[in-house]
Each structure stands twice: as structure tokens, then as C-alpha cells.
Amino acid sequence: MTYEIELDDELGERIERHLEDDETPAEFIGELLSVYETEGSFLQEGYSE
């Protein structure tokens, strides 16, 4: 199943700044979701519980 998600220009630009060389926005978002599913939350640099 394929989904289409609309992002505003600002969010799209923010995502593109984090992409690695040949990475697509969809791959980047998939990686974020994998981290979230594994860790249960997104970790912030310099933050610890």
C-alpha cells in the first residue's frame, strides 16, 4: 500500500538538510520511524533521563 503525505515547504527543506548523499525523504522518514519504534522515543543530543 502506498501513502501520500503532504509536507509544507519548510518541513520539506528541514528534512532535506538531514538527508545523506543518495537518501530520499521517504527513506529518511522510514529510518526515523524505525528508531522511534525501537527506542520508544526520539533521543535529543545532550539529553538523558
PDB file of N, CA and C in Angstrom:
ATOM      1  N   MET A   1       0.853  -1.171   0.000  1.00  0.00           N
ATOM      2  CA  MET A   1       0.000   0.000   0.000  1.00  0.00           C
ATOM      3  C   MET A   1       0.900   1.237   0.000  1.00  0.00           C
ATOM      4  N   THR A   2       0.558   2.210  -0.787  1.00  0.00           N
ATOM      5  CA  THR A   2       1.321   3.446  -0.862  1.00  0.00           C
ATOM      6  C   THR A   2       0.493   4.582  -0.277  1.00  0.00           C
ATOM      7  N   TYR A   3       1.162   5.410   0.509  1.00  0.00           N
ATOM      8  CA  TYR A   3       0.515   6.575   1.092  1.00  0.00           C
ATOM      9  C   TYR A   3       1.176   7.826   0.539  1.00  0.00           C
ATOM     10  N   GLU A   4       0.411   8.864   0.457  1.00  0.00           N
ATOM     11  CA  GLU A   4       0.963  10.151   0.051  1.00  0.00           C
ATOM     12  C   GLU A   4       0.751  11.128   1.195  1.00  0.00           C
ATOM     13  N   ILE A   5       1.836  11.765   1.610  1.00  0.00           N
ATOM     14  CA  ILE A   5       1.769  12.720   2.706  1.00  0.00           C
ATOM     15  C   ILE A   5       2.246  14.065   2.186  1.00  0.00           C
ATOM     16  N   GLU A   6       1.475  15.095   2.438  1.00  0.00           N
ATOM     17  CA  GLU A   6       1.868  16.442   2.030  1.00  0.00           C
ATOM     18  C   GLU A   6       2.603  17.128   3.172  1.00  0.00           C
ATOM     19  N   LEU A   7       3.749  17.702   2.844  1.00  0.00           N
ATOM     20  CA  LEU A   7       4.525  18.448   3.820  1.00  0.00           C
ATOM     21  C   LEU A   7       4.596  19.895   3.368  1.00  0.00           C
ATOM     22  N   ASP A   8       4.581  20.821   4.313  1.00  0.00           N
ATOM     23  CA  ASP A   8       4.761  22.206   3.895  1.00  0.00           C
ATOM     24  C   ASP A   8       6.225  22.396   3.485  1.00  0.00           C
ATOM     25  N   ASP A   9       6.496  23.446   2.767  1.00  0.00           N
ATOM     26  CA  ASP A   9       7.833  23.680   2.218  1.00  0.00           C
ATOM     27  C   ASP A   9       8.910  23.732   3.289  1.00  0.00           C
ATOM     28  N   GLU A  10       8.609  24.368   4.411  1.00  0.00           N
ATOM     29  CA  GLU A  10       9.595  24.497   5.481  1.00  0.00           C
ATOM     30  C   GLU A  10      10.008  23.134   6.032  1.00  0.00           C
ATOM     31  N   LEU A  11       9.038  22.261   6.285  1.00  0.00           N
ATOM     32  CA  LEU A  11       9.359  20.933   6.803  1.00  0.00           C
ATOM     33  C   LEU A  11      10.116  20.118   5.759  1.00  0.00           C
ATOM     34  N   GLY A  12       9.723  20.222   4.504  1.00  0.00           N
ATOM     35  CA  GLY A  12      10.434  19.527   3.439  1.00  0.00           C
ATOM     36  C   GLY A  12      11.887  19.952   3.357  1.00  0.00           C
ATOM     37  N   GLU A  13      12.139  21.233   3.493  1.00  0.00           N
ATOM     38  CA  GLU A  13      13.514  21.754   3.468  1.00  0.00           C
ATOM     39  C   GLU A  13      14.300  21.264   4.681  1.00  0.00           C
ATOM     40  N   ARG A  14      13.653  21.225   5.830  1.00  0.00           N
ATOM     41  CA  ARG A  14      14.329  20.732   7.041  1.00  0.00           C
ATOM     42  C   ARG A  14      14.726  19.270   6.870  1.00  0.00           C
ATOM     43  N   ILE A  15      13.838  18.467   6.320  1.00  0.00           N
ATOM     44  CA  ILE A  15      14.143  17.054   6.085  1.00  0.00           C
ATOM     45  C   ILE A  15      15.302  16.929   5.105  1.00  0.00           C
ATOM     46  N   GLU A  16      15.271  17.695   4.035  1.00  0.00           N
ATOM     47  CA  GLU A  16      16.323  17.608   3.014  1.00  0.00           C
ATOM     48  C   GLU A  16      17.695  17.975   3.569  1.00  0.00           C
ATOM     49  N   ARG A  17      17.762  18.849   4.552  1.00  0.00           N
ATOM     50  CA  ARG A  17      19.053  19.211   5.159  1.00  0.00           C
ATOM     51  C   ARG A  17      19.674  18.043   5.918  1.00  0.00           C
ATOM     52  N   HIS A  18      18.862  17.063   6.314  1.00  0.00           N
ATOM     53  CA  HIS A  18      19.356  15.927   7.079  1.00  0.00           C
ATOM     54  C   HIS A  18      19.628  14.686   6.228  1.00  0.00           C
ATOM     55  N   LEU A  19      19.308  14.750   4.947  1.00  0.00           N
ATOM     56  CA  LEU A  19      19.497  13.585   4.082  1.00  0.00           C
ATOM     57  C   LEU A  19      20.973  13.312   3.846  1.00  0.00           C
ATOM     58  N   GLU A  20      21.309  12.033   3.767  1.00  0.00           N
ATOM     59  CA  GLU A  20      22.660  11.662   3.389  1.00  0.00           C
ATOM     60  C   GLU A  20      22.722  11.632   1.862  1.00  0.00           C
ATOM     61  N   ASP A  21      23.886  11.354   1.300  1.00  0.00           N
ATOM     62  CA  ASP A  21      24.148  11.506  -0.132  1.00  0.00           C
ATOM     63  C   ASP A  21      23.018  11.068  -1.068  1.00  0.00           C
ATOM     64  N   ASP A  22      22.679   9.800  -1.081  1.00  0.00           N
ATOM     65  CA  ASP A  22      21.665   9.301  -2.025  1.00  0.00           C
ATOM     66  C   ASP A  22      20.343   8.960  -1.346  1.00  0.00           C
ATOM     67  N   GLU A  23      20.133   9.448  -0.158  1.00  0.00           N
ATOM     68  CA  GLU A  23      18.945   9.128   0.623  1.00  0.00           C
ATOM     69  C   GLU A  23      17.754   9.963   0.152  1.00  0.00           C
ATOM     70  N   THR A  24      16.590   9.330   0.087  1.00  0.00           N
ATOM     71  CA  THR A  24      15.368  10.046  -0.275  1.00  0.00           C
ATOM     72  C   THR A  24      14.648  10.471   0.999  1.00  0.00           C
ATOM     73  N   PRO A  25      13.767  11.466   0.894  1.00  0.00           N
ATOM     74  CA  PRO A  25      12.980  11.845   2.075  1.00  0.00           C
ATOM     75  C   PRO A  25      12.201  10.658   2.655  1.00  0.00           C
ATOM     76  N   ALA A  26      11.658   9.806   1.805  1.00  0.00           N
ATOM     77  CA  ALA A  26      10.903   8.645   2.290  1.00  0.00           C
ATOM     78  C   ALA A  26      11.799   7.701   3.089  1.00  0.00           C
ATOM     79  N   GLU A  27      13.035   7.487   2.630  1.00  0.00           N
ATOM     80  CA  GLU A  27      13.968   6.637   3.360  1.00  0.00           C
ATOM     81  C   GLU A  27      14.315   7.253   4.708  1.00  0.00           C
ATOM     82  N   PHE A  28      14.515   8.561   4.729  1.00  0.00           N
ATOM     83  CA  PHE A  28      14.839   9.264   5.967  1.00  0.00           C
ATOM     84  C   PHE A  28      13.702   9.130   6.977  1.00  0.00           C
ATOM     85  N   ILE A  29      12.481   9.345   6.524  1.00  0.00           N
ATOM     86  CA  ILE A  29      11.324   9.239   7.418  1.00  0.00           C
ATOM     87  C   ILE A  29      11.166   7.807   7.904  1.00  0.00           C
ATOM     88  N   GLY A  30      11.407   6.830   7.021  1.00  0.00           N
ATOM     89  CA  GLY A  30      11.358   5.425   7.428  1.00  0.00           C
ATOM     90  C   GLY A  30      12.371   5.112   8.508  1.00  0.00           C
ATOM     91  N   GLU A  31      13.567   5.686   8.376  1.00  0.00           N
ATOM     92  CA  GLU A  31      14.604   5.484   9.385  1.00  0.00           C
ATOM     93  C   GLU A  31      14.190   6.112  10.713  1.00  0.00           C
ATOM     94  N   LEU A  32      13.608   7.299  10.675  1.00  0.00           N
ATOM     95  CA  LEU A  32      13.124   7.940  11.909  1.00  0.00           C
ATOM     96  C   LEU A  32      12.078   7.069  12.600  1.00  0.00           C
ATOM     97  N   LEU A  33      11.165   6.515  11.813  1.00  0.00           N
ATOM     98  CA  LEU A  33      10.128   5.666  12.398  1.00  0.00           C
ATOM     99  C   LEU A  33      10.714   4.406  13.004  1.00  0.00           C
ATOM    100  N   SER A  34      11.717   3.841  12.354  1.00  0.00           N
ATOM    101  CA  SER A  34      12.377   2.647  12.901  1.00  0.00           C
ATOM    102  C   SER A  34      13.027   2.947  14.243  1.00  0.00           C
ATOM    103  N   VAL A  35      13.698   4.085  14.337  1.00  0.00           N
ATOM    104  CA  VAL A  35      14.326   4.478  15.605  1.00  0.00           C
ATOM    105  C   VAL A  35      13.252   4.665  16.665  1.00  0.00           C
ATOM    106  N   TYR A  36      12.174   5.329  16.310  1.00  0.00           N
ATOM    107  CA  TYR A  36      11.098   5.573  17.279  1.00  0.00           C
ATOM    108  C   TYR A  36      10.485   4.257  17.752  1.00  0.00           C
ATOM    109  N   GLU A  37      10.245   3.341  16.807  1.00  0.00           N
ATOM    110  CA  GLU A  37       9.638   2.061  17.184  1.00  0.00           C
ATOM    111  C   GLU A  37      10.569   1.233  18.065  1.00  0.00           C
ATOM    112  N   THR A  38      11.858   1.306  17.813  1.00  0.00           N
ATOM    113  CA  THR A  38      12.833   0.536  18.581  1.00  0.00           C
ATOM    114  C   THR A  38      13.074   1.142  19.954  1.00  0.00           C
ATOM    115  N   GLU A  39      13.267   2.449  19.980  1.00  0.00           N
ATOM    116  CA  GLU A  39      13.637   3.128  21.219  1.00  0.00           C
ATOM    117  C   GLU A  39      12.441   3.613  22.027  1.00  0.00           C
ATOM    118  N   GLY A  40      11.309   3.792  21.382  1.00  0.00           N
ATOM    119  CA  GLY A  40      10.125   4.283  22.075  1.00  0.00           C
ATOM    120  C   GLY A  40      10.043   5.793  22.122  1.00  0.00           C
ATOM    121  N   SER A  41      11.111   6.450  21.718  1.00  0.00           N
ATOM    122  CA  SER A  41      11.108   7.911  21.668  1.00  0.00           C
ATOM    123  C   SER A  41      12.311   8.363  20.865  1.00  0.00           C
ATOM    124  N   PHE A  42      12.294   9.600  20.471  1.00  0.00           N
ATOM    125  CA  PHE A  42      13.430  10.180  19.780  1.00  0.00           C
ATOM    126  C   PHE A  42      14.361  10.767  20.833  1.00  0.00           C
ATOM    127  N   LEU A  43      15.618  10.462  20.716  1.00  0.00           N
ATOM    128  CA  LEU A  43      16.593  10.993  21.653  1.00  0.00           C
ATOM    129  C   LEU A  43      17.108  12.320  21.133  1.00  0.00           C
ATOM    130  N   GLN A  44      17.299  13.267  22.021  1.00  0.00           N
ATOM    131  CA  GLN A  44      17.869  14.562  21.654  1.00  0.00           C
ATOM    132  C   GLN A  44      19.314  14.575  22.084  1.00  0.00           C
ATOM    133  N   GLU A  45      20.153  15.119  21.238  1.00  0.00           N
ATOM    134  CA  GLU A  45      21.568  15.197  21.567  1.00  0.00           C
ATOM    135  C   GLU A  45      21.749  15.997  22.865  1.00  0.00           C
ATOM    136  N   GLY A  46      22.542  15.455  23.755  1.00  0.00           N
ATOM    137  CA  GLY A  46      22.802  16.164  25.003  1.00  0.00           C
ATOM    138  C   GLY A  46      21.712  15.955  26.053  1.00  0.00           C
ATOM    139  N   TYR A  47      20.719  15.128  25.768  1.00  0.00           N
ATOM    140  CA  TYR A  47      19.624  14.908  26.705  1.00  0.00           C
ATOM    141  C   TYR A  47      19.708  13.482  27.228  1.00  0.00           C
ATOM    142  N   SER A  48      19.561  13.320  28.500  1.00  0.00           N
ATOM    143  CA  SER A  48      19.489  11.972  29.070  1.00  0.00           C
ATOM    144  C   SER A  48      18.515  11.987  30.232  1.00  0.00           C
ATOM    145  N   GLU A  49      17.941  10.823  30.473  1.00  0.00           N
ATOM    146  CA  GLU A  49      16.974  10.700  31.566  1.00  0.00           C
ATOM    147  C   GLU A  49      17.644  10.205  32.815  1.00  0.00           C
TER     148      GLU A  49
END
